[in-house]
Amino acid sequence: MLMSQSGREARLRYLANSFRVLVPGDHVTCAVSGQTIPLDKLKYWSVARQEPYASAEYSTKAELGL
């Protein structure tokens, strides 16, 4: 029987041009805003901080420490 990952937060390893799923799920949470980001919409993250971001704006804020 296949288990649905719907509604579960994934745990990822963020790489330079991709990410690796460590714990299956369908979303992650933005490190700055707390927004839920579906994995198929995830475009921004920090390899150094291992954090996902909902937008380029949030990524920039994290980088600048705002």
C-alpha atoms as a PDB file:
ATOM      1  CA  MET A   1       0.000   0.000   0.000  1.00  0.00           C
ATOM      2  CA  LEU A   2       1.374   3.427  -0.951  1.00  0.00           C
ATOM      3  CA  MET A   3       1.362   6.096   1.708  1.00  0.00           C
ATOM      4  CA  SER A   4       0.247   9.590   0.723  1.00  0.00           C
ATOM      5  CA  GLN A   5       2.650  12.421   1.535  1.00  0.00           C
ATOM      6  CA  SER A   6      -0.131  14.987   1.332  1.00  0.00           C
ATOM      7  CA  GLY A   7      -0.027  17.441   4.195  1.00  0.00           C
ATOM      8  CA  ARG A   8       3.373  16.313   5.481  1.00  0.00           C
ATOM      9  CA  GLU A   9       6.361  18.628   5.675  1.00  0.00           C
ATOM     10  CA  ALA A  10       9.374  17.285   3.820  1.00  0.00           C
ATOM     11  CA  ARG A  11      12.933  17.465   5.130  1.00  0.00           C
ATOM     12  CA  LEU A  12      15.423  18.340   2.415  1.00  0.00           C
ATOM     13  CA  ARG A  13      19.170  18.620   1.867  1.00  0.00           C
ATOM     14  CA  TYR A  14      19.680  21.754  -0.217  1.00  0.00           C
ATOM     15  CA  LEU A  15      22.336  21.468  -2.920  1.00  0.00           C
ATOM     16  CA  ALA A  16      23.736  24.053  -5.346  1.00  0.00           C
ATOM     17  CA  ASN A  17      21.235  23.392  -8.161  1.00  0.00           C
ATOM     18  CA  SER A  18      18.771  20.984  -6.631  1.00  0.00           C
ATOM     19  CA  PHE A  19      17.682  19.382  -3.400  1.00  0.00           C
ATOM     20  CA  ARG A  20      17.544  15.853  -2.049  1.00  0.00           C
ATOM     21  CA  VAL A  21      14.499  14.606  -0.141  1.00  0.00           C
ATOM     22  CA  LEU A  22      15.558  13.179   3.230  1.00  0.00           C
ATOM     23  CA  VAL A  23      12.047  12.746   4.653  1.00  0.00           C
ATOM     24  CA  PRO A  24       9.174  12.556   2.152  1.00  0.00           C
ATOM     25  CA  GLY A  25       6.465  15.192   2.196  1.00  0.00           C
ATOM     26  CA  ASP A  26       4.700  17.614  -0.114  1.00  0.00           C
ATOM     27  CA  HIS A  27       5.930  20.967   1.223  1.00  0.00           C
ATOM     28  CA  VAL A  28       8.514  22.887   3.250  1.00  0.00           C
ATOM     29  CA  THR A  29       8.154  26.037   5.356  1.00  0.00           C
ATOM     30  CA  CYS A  30       9.796  29.340   4.416  1.00  0.00           C
ATOM     31  CA  ALA A  31      12.522  30.181   6.957  1.00  0.00           C
ATOM     32  CA  VAL A  32      11.636  33.895   6.883  1.00  0.00           C
ATOM     33  CA  SER A  33       7.860  34.167   6.434  1.00  0.00           C
ATOM     34  CA  GLY A  34       6.614  30.822   7.721  1.00  0.00           C
ATOM     35  CA  GLN A  35       4.656  30.297   4.481  1.00  0.00           C
ATOM     36  CA  THR A  36       4.060  26.773   3.226  1.00  0.00           C
ATOM     37  CA  ILE A  37       5.887  26.112  -0.065  1.00  0.00           C
ATOM     38  CA  PRO A  38       4.802  23.118  -2.180  1.00  0.00           C
ATOM     39  CA  LEU A  39       7.893  21.206  -3.340  1.00  0.00           C
ATOM     40  CA  ASP A  40       6.940  21.678  -6.982  1.00  0.00           C
ATOM     41  CA  LYS A  41       7.019  25.488  -6.428  1.00  0.00           C
ATOM     42  CA  LEU A  42      10.271  25.622  -4.408  1.00  0.00           C
ATOM     43  CA  LYS A  43      12.778  27.835  -6.261  1.00  0.00           C
ATOM     44  CA  TYR A  44      14.799  29.616  -3.570  1.00  0.00           C
ATOM     45  CA  TRP A  45      17.000  28.220  -0.805  1.00  0.00           C
ATOM     46  CA  SER A  46      20.338  28.683   0.886  1.00  0.00           C
ATOM     47  CA  VAL A  47      22.882  25.899   0.644  1.00  0.00           C
ATOM     48  CA  ALA A  48      24.991  27.498   3.406  1.00  0.00           C
ATOM     49  CA  ARG A  49      22.076  27.917   5.838  1.00  0.00           C
ATOM     50  CA  GLN A  50      20.066  24.909   4.589  1.00  0.00           C
ATOM     51  CA  GLU A  51      16.865  27.012   4.522  1.00  0.00           C
ATOM     52  CA  PRO A  52      14.017  27.326   2.000  1.00  0.00           C
ATOM     53  CA  TYR A  53      12.436  30.644   0.995  1.00  0.00           C
ATOM     54  CA  ALA A  54       9.041  31.437  -0.511  1.00  0.00           C
ATOM     55  CA  SER A  55      10.427  34.162  -2.807  1.00  0.00           C
ATOM     56  CA  ALA A  56      13.560  35.971  -3.940  1.00  0.00           C
ATOM     57  CA  GLU A  57      12.610  38.807  -1.581  1.00  0.00           C
ATOM     58  CA  TYR A  58      12.680  36.493   1.443  1.00  0.00           C
ATOM     59  CA  SER A  59      15.941  34.955   0.262  1.00  0.00           C
ATOM     60  CA  THR A  60      17.502  38.433   0.051  1.00  0.00           C
ATOM     61  CA  LYS A  61      16.181  39.369   3.500  1.00  0.00           C
ATOM     62  CA  ALA A  62      17.753  36.240   4.989  1.00  0.00           C
ATOM     63  CA  GLU A  63      21.056  36.936   3.231  1.00  0.00           C
ATOM     64  CA  LEU A  64      21.117  40.515   4.547  1.00  0.00           C
ATOM     65  CA  GLY A  65      19.986  39.467   8.020  1.00  0.00           C
ATOM     66  CA  LEU A  66      16.835  41.615   7.901  1.00  0.00           C
END
